[in-house]
Every structure is written in C-alpha cells, then in structure tokens.
N, C-alpha and C. Protein backbone atom coordinates (compact mmCIF):
# COMPACT_ATOMS: atom_id res chain seq x y z
N MET A 1 15.61 4.11 -5.35
CA MET A 1 14.23 3.72 -5.62
C MET A 1 13.30 4.90 -5.33
N GLU A 2 12.51 5.22 -6.31
CA GLU A 2 11.56 6.31 -6.15
C GLU A 2 10.24 5.77 -5.63
N THR A 3 9.65 6.52 -4.72
CA THR A 3 8.33 6.16 -4.21
C THR A 3 7.28 6.92 -5.02
N LYS A 4 6.24 6.20 -5.41
CA LYS A 4 5.11 6.80 -6.13
C LYS A 4 3.86 6.64 -5.25
N PHE A 5 2.83 7.40 -5.57
CA PHE A 5 1.63 7.45 -4.74
C PHE A 5 0.37 7.38 -5.60
N THR A 6 -0.71 6.86 -4.98
CA THR A 6 -2.00 6.77 -5.67
C THR A 6 -2.99 7.76 -5.07
N THR A 7 -4.07 7.99 -5.78
CA THR A 7 -5.13 8.85 -5.26
C THR A 7 -5.89 8.18 -4.12
N ASP A 8 -5.68 6.86 -3.94
CA ASP A 8 -6.30 6.14 -2.83
C ASP A 8 -5.39 6.09 -1.60
N HIS A 9 -4.29 6.85 -1.65
CA HIS A 9 -3.36 7.00 -0.53
C HIS A 9 -2.55 5.76 -0.22
N GLU A 10 -2.15 5.05 -1.29
CA GLU A 10 -1.18 3.98 -1.16
C GLU A 10 0.16 4.48 -1.72
N TRP A 11 1.24 3.92 -1.21
CA TRP A 11 2.56 4.21 -1.78
C TRP A 11 3.11 2.93 -2.37
N ILE A 12 4.04 3.09 -3.31
CA ILE A 12 4.64 1.94 -3.98
C ILE A 12 6.08 2.29 -4.34
N THR A 13 6.97 1.33 -4.10
CA THR A 13 8.34 1.42 -4.61
C THR A 13 8.58 0.17 -5.44
N VAL A 14 9.36 0.31 -6.50
CA VAL A 14 9.63 -0.82 -7.38
C VAL A 14 11.14 -1.06 -7.41
N ASP A 15 11.52 -2.30 -7.17
CA ASP A 15 12.92 -2.72 -7.24
C ASP A 15 12.97 -3.93 -8.16
N GLY A 16 13.42 -3.71 -9.39
CA GLY A 16 13.42 -4.80 -10.38
C GLY A 16 11.99 -5.17 -10.73
N ASP A 17 11.62 -6.43 -10.49
CA ASP A 17 10.26 -6.86 -10.80
C ASP A 17 9.40 -7.03 -9.55
N VAL A 18 9.85 -6.45 -8.43
CA VAL A 18 9.07 -6.54 -7.19
C VAL A 18 8.68 -5.13 -6.72
N ALA A 19 7.40 -4.96 -6.49
CA ALA A 19 6.87 -3.71 -5.96
C ALA A 19 6.46 -3.91 -4.51
N THR A 20 6.80 -2.94 -3.67
CA THR A 20 6.40 -2.95 -2.26
C THR A 20 5.31 -1.90 -2.10
N VAL A 21 4.23 -2.27 -1.40
CA VAL A 21 3.06 -1.41 -1.28
C VAL A 21 2.71 -1.17 0.18
N GLY A 22 2.30 0.05 0.50
CA GLY A 22 1.83 0.39 1.83
C GLY A 22 0.83 1.52 1.75
N ILE A 23 0.32 1.93 2.91
CA ILE A 23 -0.56 3.11 2.92
C ILE A 23 0.26 4.31 3.40
N THR A 24 -0.17 5.48 3.00
CA THR A 24 0.60 6.68 3.31
C THR A 24 0.38 7.15 4.75
N ASP A 25 1.25 8.04 5.17
CA ASP A 25 1.12 8.64 6.49
C ASP A 25 -0.20 9.41 6.59
N PHE A 26 -0.57 10.08 5.50
CA PHE A 26 -1.85 10.80 5.47
C PHE A 26 -3.01 9.85 5.73
N ALA A 27 -2.99 8.68 5.08
CA ALA A 27 -4.07 7.70 5.24
C ALA A 27 -4.16 7.21 6.68
N GLN A 28 -3.03 6.84 7.27
CA GLN A 28 -3.07 6.32 8.64
C GLN A 28 -3.51 7.40 9.61
N ALA A 29 -3.13 8.66 9.36
CA ALA A 29 -3.55 9.76 10.24
C ALA A 29 -5.06 9.98 10.16
N GLN A 30 -5.62 9.85 8.96
CA GLN A 30 -7.06 10.01 8.78
C GLN A 30 -7.83 8.88 9.46
N LEU A 31 -7.28 7.67 9.41
CA LEU A 31 -7.94 6.51 10.00
C LEU A 31 -7.83 6.49 11.52
N GLY A 32 -6.72 6.96 12.05
CA GLY A 32 -6.47 6.86 13.49
C GLY A 32 -5.80 5.54 13.82
N ASP A 33 -5.86 5.15 15.07
CA ASP A 33 -5.16 3.94 15.51
C ASP A 33 -5.72 2.69 14.83
N LEU A 34 -4.86 2.02 14.08
CA LEU A 34 -5.28 0.81 13.38
C LEU A 34 -5.37 -0.35 14.37
N VAL A 35 -6.43 -1.15 14.21
CA VAL A 35 -6.65 -2.29 15.11
C VAL A 35 -6.67 -3.62 14.37
N PHE A 36 -6.79 -3.58 13.04
CA PHE A 36 -6.86 -4.81 12.26
C PHE A 36 -6.40 -4.54 10.83
N ILE A 37 -5.62 -5.46 10.28
CA ILE A 37 -5.19 -5.37 8.88
C ILE A 37 -5.38 -6.74 8.24
N GLU A 38 -6.04 -6.75 7.09
CA GLU A 38 -6.19 -7.97 6.30
C GLU A 38 -5.43 -7.76 5.00
N LEU A 39 -4.51 -8.68 4.70
CA LEU A 39 -3.67 -8.56 3.52
C LEU A 39 -3.96 -9.68 2.53
N PRO A 40 -3.55 -9.49 1.28
CA PRO A 40 -3.77 -10.55 0.28
C PRO A 40 -2.88 -11.76 0.58
N LYS A 41 -3.27 -12.89 0.04
CA LYS A 41 -2.50 -14.12 0.22
C LYS A 41 -1.39 -14.22 -0.82
N VAL A 42 -0.28 -14.82 -0.42
CA VAL A 42 0.82 -15.06 -1.35
C VAL A 42 0.28 -15.92 -2.50
N GLY A 43 0.63 -15.54 -3.72
CA GLY A 43 0.16 -16.23 -4.91
C GLY A 43 -1.08 -15.60 -5.52
N GLN A 44 -1.75 -14.73 -4.77
CA GLN A 44 -2.96 -14.06 -5.27
C GLN A 44 -2.57 -13.08 -6.37
N LYS A 45 -3.31 -13.13 -7.48
CA LYS A 45 -3.11 -12.17 -8.57
C LYS A 45 -4.13 -11.05 -8.41
N ILE A 46 -3.64 -9.84 -8.51
CA ILE A 46 -4.50 -8.67 -8.31
C ILE A 46 -4.35 -7.75 -9.51
N ALA A 47 -5.47 -7.28 -10.02
CA ALA A 47 -5.46 -6.32 -11.12
C ALA A 47 -5.11 -4.93 -10.59
N ALA A 48 -4.64 -4.08 -11.46
CA ALA A 48 -4.40 -2.69 -11.07
C ALA A 48 -5.70 -2.10 -10.55
N ALA A 49 -5.64 -1.43 -9.42
CA ALA A 49 -6.79 -0.85 -8.73
C ALA A 49 -7.71 -1.91 -8.13
N GLY A 50 -7.25 -3.17 -8.12
CA GLY A 50 -8.04 -4.26 -7.54
C GLY A 50 -7.92 -4.27 -6.01
N LEU A 51 -8.93 -4.80 -5.37
CA LEU A 51 -8.95 -4.88 -3.92
C LEU A 51 -7.85 -5.82 -3.43
N ALA A 52 -7.02 -5.31 -2.52
CA ALA A 52 -5.89 -6.10 -2.02
C ALA A 52 -6.01 -6.41 -0.53
N GLY A 53 -6.92 -5.75 0.17
CA GLY A 53 -7.07 -5.99 1.60
C GLY A 53 -7.82 -4.86 2.25
N THR A 54 -7.79 -4.85 3.59
CA THR A 54 -8.46 -3.79 4.34
C THR A 54 -7.63 -3.41 5.57
N VAL A 55 -7.83 -2.18 6.00
CA VAL A 55 -7.30 -1.73 7.27
C VAL A 55 -8.48 -1.21 8.08
N GLU A 56 -8.44 -1.47 9.38
CA GLU A 56 -9.56 -1.09 10.24
C GLU A 56 -9.04 -0.32 11.45
N SER A 57 -9.75 0.74 11.77
CA SER A 57 -9.44 1.52 12.97
C SER A 57 -10.73 1.64 13.77
N GLY A 58 -10.67 2.33 14.88
CA GLY A 58 -11.88 2.58 15.65
C GLY A 58 -12.86 3.45 14.90
N LYS A 59 -12.37 4.19 13.91
CA LYS A 59 -13.19 5.13 13.13
C LYS A 59 -13.84 4.49 11.92
N ALA A 60 -13.09 3.63 11.22
CA ALA A 60 -13.57 3.16 9.90
C ALA A 60 -12.82 1.93 9.44
N VAL A 61 -13.40 1.30 8.42
CA VAL A 61 -12.72 0.24 7.68
C VAL A 61 -12.44 0.82 6.30
N SER A 62 -11.21 0.67 5.84
CA SER A 62 -10.84 1.23 4.55
C SER A 62 -10.20 0.15 3.68
N ASP A 63 -10.57 0.14 2.41
CA ASP A 63 -10.01 -0.83 1.48
C ASP A 63 -8.61 -0.42 1.05
N ILE A 64 -7.78 -1.41 0.78
CA ILE A 64 -6.45 -1.21 0.21
C ILE A 64 -6.53 -1.70 -1.23
N PHE A 65 -6.05 -0.88 -2.15
CA PHE A 65 -6.08 -1.23 -3.56
C PHE A 65 -4.66 -1.40 -4.09
N ALA A 66 -4.48 -2.31 -5.02
CA ALA A 66 -3.18 -2.51 -5.65
C ALA A 66 -2.92 -1.37 -6.63
N PRO A 67 -1.82 -0.66 -6.49
CA PRO A 67 -1.52 0.44 -7.41
C PRO A 67 -1.27 -0.03 -8.84
N ILE A 68 -0.82 -1.28 -8.98
CA ILE A 68 -0.52 -1.87 -10.28
C ILE A 68 -0.92 -3.34 -10.25
N ALA A 69 -0.94 -3.97 -11.40
CA ALA A 69 -1.27 -5.40 -11.46
C ALA A 69 -0.05 -6.24 -11.12
N GLY A 70 -0.31 -7.38 -10.49
CA GLY A 70 0.79 -8.29 -10.20
C GLY A 70 0.35 -9.46 -9.34
N GLU A 71 1.33 -10.27 -8.95
CA GLU A 71 1.08 -11.43 -8.11
C GLU A 71 1.76 -11.20 -6.76
N VAL A 72 1.00 -11.41 -5.69
CA VAL A 72 1.53 -11.20 -4.34
C VAL A 72 2.61 -12.24 -4.05
N VAL A 73 3.79 -11.75 -3.63
CA VAL A 73 4.89 -12.66 -3.31
C VAL A 73 5.20 -12.66 -1.81
N GLU A 74 4.68 -11.65 -1.09
CA GLU A 74 4.91 -11.60 0.35
C GLU A 74 3.90 -10.66 0.99
N ALA A 75 3.41 -11.05 2.16
CA ALA A 75 2.55 -10.19 2.97
C ALA A 75 3.29 -9.96 4.29
N ASN A 76 3.19 -8.76 4.82
CA ASN A 76 3.94 -8.40 6.02
C ASN A 76 3.21 -8.88 7.28
N ALA A 77 3.63 -10.04 7.79
CA ALA A 77 3.00 -10.64 8.97
C ALA A 77 3.15 -9.74 10.20
N ALA A 78 4.21 -8.94 10.25
CA ALA A 78 4.44 -8.08 11.42
C ALA A 78 3.33 -7.04 11.59
N VAL A 79 2.85 -6.45 10.48
CA VAL A 79 1.79 -5.45 10.60
C VAL A 79 0.43 -6.09 10.85
N VAL A 80 0.27 -7.34 10.43
CA VAL A 80 -0.97 -8.06 10.74
C VAL A 80 -1.01 -8.34 12.24
N ALA A 81 0.13 -8.75 12.79
CA ALA A 81 0.22 -9.05 14.23
C ALA A 81 0.13 -7.78 15.07
N ASP A 82 0.67 -6.67 14.56
CA ASP A 82 0.69 -5.41 15.30
C ASP A 82 0.40 -4.25 14.34
N PRO A 83 -0.90 -3.98 14.07
CA PRO A 83 -1.27 -2.92 13.13
C PRO A 83 -0.75 -1.54 13.51
N SER A 84 -0.44 -1.32 14.79
CA SER A 84 0.04 -0.01 15.22
C SER A 84 1.39 0.34 14.58
N LEU A 85 2.10 -0.64 14.03
CA LEU A 85 3.36 -0.35 13.34
C LEU A 85 3.13 0.62 12.19
N VAL A 86 1.97 0.53 11.54
CA VAL A 86 1.65 1.44 10.44
C VAL A 86 1.44 2.85 10.98
N ASN A 87 0.84 2.97 12.16
CA ASN A 87 0.64 4.29 12.77
C ASN A 87 1.98 4.91 13.17
N VAL A 88 2.92 4.10 13.59
CA VAL A 88 4.22 4.60 14.03
C VAL A 88 5.02 5.13 12.85
N ASP A 89 5.07 4.38 11.74
CA ASP A 89 5.83 4.81 10.56
C ASP A 89 5.24 4.15 9.32
N ALA A 90 4.25 4.81 8.74
CA ALA A 90 3.52 4.25 7.60
C ALA A 90 4.42 4.00 6.39
N MET A 91 5.45 4.79 6.22
CA MET A 91 6.31 4.64 5.06
C MET A 91 7.30 3.49 5.22
N SER A 92 7.49 3.00 6.42
CA SER A 92 8.37 1.83 6.63
C SER A 92 7.56 0.55 6.81
N ALA A 93 6.35 0.67 7.30
CA ALA A 93 5.52 -0.50 7.60
C ALA A 93 4.76 -0.92 6.34
N TRP A 94 5.49 -1.52 5.40
CA TRP A 94 4.89 -1.97 4.15
C TRP A 94 3.85 -3.06 4.44
N LEU A 95 2.92 -3.22 3.49
CA LEU A 95 1.84 -4.19 3.65
C LEU A 95 2.07 -5.47 2.85
N PHE A 96 2.39 -5.33 1.57
CA PHE A 96 2.62 -6.52 0.76
C PHE A 96 3.55 -6.20 -0.40
N LYS A 97 4.11 -7.26 -0.97
CA LYS A 97 4.99 -7.14 -2.13
C LYS A 97 4.40 -7.93 -3.28
N MET A 98 4.57 -7.40 -4.48
CA MET A 98 4.01 -8.01 -5.68
C MET A 98 5.09 -8.18 -6.74
N ARG A 99 5.03 -9.27 -7.49
CA ARG A 99 5.87 -9.42 -8.67
C ARG A 99 5.10 -8.79 -9.83
N ILE A 100 5.78 -7.91 -10.54
CA ILE A 100 5.12 -7.17 -11.62
C ILE A 100 5.87 -7.39 -12.93
N ASP A 101 5.19 -7.08 -14.01
CA ASP A 101 5.80 -7.11 -15.32
C ASP A 101 6.80 -5.95 -15.39
N PRO A 102 8.03 -6.20 -15.82
CA PRO A 102 9.02 -5.12 -15.89
C PRO A 102 8.59 -3.96 -16.79
N LYS A 103 7.64 -4.22 -17.67
CA LYS A 103 7.16 -3.16 -18.56
C LYS A 103 6.02 -2.35 -17.94
N THR A 104 5.71 -2.61 -16.68
CA THR A 104 4.61 -1.91 -16.02
C THR A 104 4.83 -0.41 -16.09
N ASP A 105 3.78 0.30 -16.46
CA ASP A 105 3.83 1.75 -16.60
C ASP A 105 3.40 2.40 -15.29
N LEU A 106 4.32 3.14 -14.68
CA LEU A 106 4.02 3.83 -13.42
C LEU A 106 3.68 5.30 -13.64
N SER A 107 3.56 5.71 -14.90
CA SER A 107 3.36 7.13 -15.19
C SER A 107 2.03 7.67 -14.67
N GLY A 108 1.07 6.80 -14.40
CA GLY A 108 -0.21 7.27 -13.88
C GLY A 108 -0.19 7.53 -12.38
N LEU A 109 0.92 7.23 -11.74
CA LEU A 109 1.05 7.45 -10.30
C LEU A 109 1.73 8.79 -10.04
N MET A 110 1.52 9.33 -8.84
CA MET A 110 2.06 10.64 -8.50
C MET A 110 3.44 10.52 -7.84
N ASP A 111 4.29 11.52 -8.10
CA ASP A 111 5.53 11.60 -7.35
C ASP A 111 5.22 12.26 -6.00
N GLU A 112 6.20 12.37 -5.14
CA GLU A 112 5.95 12.86 -3.78
C GLU A 112 5.41 14.29 -3.77
N ALA A 113 5.94 15.17 -4.59
CA ALA A 113 5.49 16.56 -4.62
C ALA A 113 4.02 16.65 -5.04
N LYS A 114 3.64 15.90 -6.08
CA LYS A 114 2.24 15.93 -6.53
C LYS A 114 1.32 15.31 -5.46
N TYR A 115 1.79 14.26 -4.81
CA TYR A 115 0.97 13.63 -3.78
C TYR A 115 0.75 14.57 -2.61
N LYS A 116 1.79 15.26 -2.17
CA LYS A 116 1.65 16.20 -1.05
C LYS A 116 0.63 17.27 -1.38
N GLU A 117 0.65 17.77 -2.61
CA GLU A 117 -0.33 18.76 -3.05
C GLU A 117 -1.73 18.15 -3.06
N TYR A 118 -1.85 16.92 -3.56
CA TYR A 118 -3.13 16.22 -3.63
C TYR A 118 -3.71 15.98 -2.23
N ALA A 119 -2.86 15.62 -1.28
CA ALA A 119 -3.33 15.23 0.06
C ALA A 119 -3.62 16.42 0.98
N LYS A 120 -3.42 17.64 0.49
CA LYS A 120 -3.69 18.83 1.33
C LYS A 120 -5.15 18.93 1.70
C-alpha cells in the first residue's frame, strides 16, 4: 500500500475500497502537543477537500480535510481518548477510515518524495 499526501498535511493509504486518513508528522510537529481531536461520525459523507474534523494543541486549532470523497466507516476512538498518540507516531495514529469509489483518482495527491520536498 502506497501512502499519498495532501498539501494540507494529511496522509492517506487505500486498501481496496477503504482509505485510511491521518495527519503527517510535519503537521503534528508544527502543532505541538495535541490536546483534543474531533473526528467525523461513522456514516458521514464527506466531499474531497471537505471538512472532516479538527485537531487542537496549546498553539492552535487546525482543520482536518478529507483527501478524497467518501463515507466514513470508522473513527479512531483511541486518538480521541489520547490525542498524544498522534504526537508519538503520526503515521501510525490514523484518524478515520472512509469507503471510497474504486475509481477514485489519487493522481492529484503527492507521493512521499514530493511531499518531503513540499514540507521543507
């Protein structure tokens, strides 16, 4: 499974018709220690680039956007209960999963090399 990235510092992996979404290590480092995470509800339909939730730190509140369109099938209760999990390992501490159309085009997203260059 290849991980793709957005200009809003979200990551996404797709396995069949389910996409897993989180924020990048760069994003969590910029925010600092996370104290609150609000995630979308299961069953919620979100448009590509649509608001999917928020993350809050002592520094700022930042919106989370859906990298692609889909329907939320799972929200990660563990990161809601303990937002610091995202600070520990942002690439493992996923936020939500979405069911997507198998024909979804991911070509507008960045691969890891392009994202690293973008996030400099």
